[in-house]
Protein backbone atom coordinates (compact mmCIF):
# COMPACT_ATOMS: atom_id res chain seq x y z
CA MET A 1 62.54 114.42 111.01
CA LEU A 2 66.07 115.22 110.54
CA SER A 3 68.18 116.34 113.59
CA LYS A 4 69.78 120.04 113.37
CA VAL A 5 73.33 118.33 113.33
CA ARG A 6 72.49 116.03 110.70
CA THR A 7 70.84 118.86 108.38
CA ALA A 8 74.07 121.05 109.13
CA ARG A 9 76.20 118.26 107.74
CA ILE A 10 74.33 117.72 104.66
CA THR A 11 74.12 121.62 104.06
CA ALA A 12 78.03 121.81 104.76
CA ALA A 13 78.70 118.83 102.08
CA VAL A 14 76.56 120.29 99.45
CA VAL A 15 78.23 123.75 99.96
CA ALA A 16 81.60 122.28 99.88
CA THR A 17 80.88 120.34 96.58
CA ALA A 18 79.35 123.22 94.88
CA LEU A 19 82.32 125.34 95.91
CA ALA A 20 84.85 122.67 94.66
CA VAL A 21 83.01 122.42 91.18
CA SER A 22 83.12 126.09 90.92
CA LEU A 23 86.61 126.57 91.65
CA GLY A 24 87.55 123.66 89.28
CA VAL A 25 88.83 121.52 92.24
CA VAL A 26 87.02 118.52 91.07
CA ALA A 27 88.84 116.93 88.21
CA ALA A 28 87.12 114.96 85.63
CA PRO A 29 88.85 111.92 83.94
CA SER A 30 91.19 112.96 81.36
CA ALA A 31 91.06 111.56 77.93
CA SER A 32 94.64 112.84 77.24
CA ALA A 33 97.50 110.65 76.22
CA ALA A 34 99.57 108.68 78.83
CA ASP A 35 102.31 110.63 80.60
CA ASN A 36 105.65 110.62 78.62
CA CYS A 37 108.48 108.52 79.80
CA TRP A 38 111.07 110.75 81.44
CA PRO A 39 115.01 110.85 81.53
CA GLY A 40 116.78 109.78 84.64
CA GLU A 41 120.66 109.11 85.56
CA SER A 42 123.07 106.90 83.56
CA ASN A 43 121.26 107.24 80.32
CA ARG A 44 118.16 105.41 81.78
CA TRP A 45 114.51 106.45 80.86
CA TYR A 46 111.70 106.00 83.39
CA CYS A 47 108.34 104.87 82.32
CA TYR A 48 105.06 103.62 84.16
CA ASN A 49 104.56 100.09 83.29
CA VAL A 50 102.03 97.16 84.22
CA PRO A 51 103.62 95.53 87.20
CA GLY A 52 104.55 91.74 86.68
CA SER A 53 104.94 91.92 83.01
CA PRO A 54 107.60 89.72 81.41
CA VAL A 55 110.97 90.63 80.14
CA TYR A 56 112.06 88.76 77.11
CA GLY A 57 115.56 87.69 76.22
CA THR A 58 117.48 88.57 73.23
CA VAL A 59 118.22 86.63 69.94
CA GLY A 60 121.50 84.86 70.41
CA ASN A 61 124.48 87.12 71.55
CA ASN A 62 123.00 89.93 69.73
CA HIS A 63 121.58 92.26 72.35
CA LEU A 64 119.56 94.28 69.90
CA TYR A 65 116.84 92.00 68.91
CA PRO A 66 114.18 90.62 71.37
CA ASP A 67 113.42 87.08 71.45
CA PRO A 68 109.53 87.11 71.83
CA SER A 69 109.69 83.13 72.65
CA THR A 70 111.79 83.53 75.61
CA VAL A 71 110.93 85.08 78.94
CA VAL A 72 114.03 85.61 81.22
CA GLY A 73 112.30 87.47 84.17
CA TYR A 74 109.58 89.96 85.04
CA MET A 75 109.23 93.61 85.96
CA ASN A 76 107.38 94.00 89.20
CA SER A 77 108.49 97.52 89.86
CA ASN A 78 106.52 100.69 88.63
CA PRO A 79 107.79 102.76 87.32
CA SER A 80 110.68 101.00 85.93
CA TRP A 81 113.77 102.20 83.81
CA PHE A 82 114.79 101.29 80.19
CA TYR A 83 117.94 101.84 78.27
CA CYS A 84 116.48 102.35 74.90
CA LYS A 85 113.67 101.52 72.51
CA GLU A 86 113.77 99.22 69.40
CA ASP A 87 111.21 99.63 66.49
CA GLY A 88 110.59 97.23 63.65
CA GLN A 89 110.76 94.13 65.80
CA ALA A 90 108.42 91.37 66.42
CA TRP A 91 104.58 92.23 66.55
CA VAL A 92 103.16 93.51 69.93
CA GLY A 93 100.32 95.52 68.97
CA GLY A 94 99.12 98.81 70.43
CA PRO A 95 100.06 102.25 69.23
CA HIS A 96 103.73 101.18 68.54
CA PRO A 97 102.98 97.74 67.15
CA ASN A 98 106.83 96.72 66.55
CA ARG A 99 108.32 98.66 69.53
CA TRP A 100 110.21 96.95 72.28
CA LEU A 101 112.28 98.54 75.28
CA MET A 102 115.56 97.33 76.58
CA THR A 103 115.66 96.91 80.34
CA VAL A 104 116.86 94.75 83.31
CA ALA A 105 114.50 92.38 84.87
CA ASP A 106 114.05 92.26 88.46
CA ASN A 107 116.21 89.24 88.57
CA GLY A 108 119.03 91.10 86.89
CA GLN A 109 118.51 89.53 83.42
CA LEU A 110 119.02 91.87 80.31
CA GLY A 111 116.09 91.87 78.02
CA PHE A 112 113.29 93.67 76.42
CA MET A 113 109.54 94.60 77.48
CA LYS A 114 106.87 95.01 75.03
CA ASP A 115 105.56 98.39 74.51
CA THR A 116 102.19 97.26 75.34
CA ASP A 117 103.24 96.70 78.92
CA ILE A 118 104.50 100.20 79.27
CA THR A 119 101.61 102.61 80.19
CA SER A 120 103.68 105.74 79.57
CA GLU A 121 104.29 107.16 76.22
CA THR A 122 107.68 105.67 74.97
CA ASP A 123 108.28 108.07 72.11
CA PRO A 124 110.62 110.39 74.02
CA VAL A 125 113.00 107.18 74.83
CA ARG A 126 116.22 107.20 72.87
CA ASP A 127 116.83 104.73 70.23
CA CYS A 128 119.07 101.68 70.61
């Protein structure tokens, strides 16, 4: 036999759940696209990313081409900031299979992150 206190708690929980559902307070998981990257200060764009992702160097002295064979640092922050995006580069997969974003790794090295390591939608980021 349930005690009066326990019965009252169960009843309150059921009523609260029913009320929350009827008011739309309980949110179902969304199947929508990822949040967009957003503009910040100094021409930077902020995006959510996978913490610990590698940042790749550039080809030679040309800072517009990522070098997918050279890791120059890692991005442990989330969200992180990016200068711009480059399309038509080395294959990375995902919804933008040839997109890389220019940034600065946590160790201060300029480089690029793969679009697949960024969980925000990167379309709004300006082109390099």
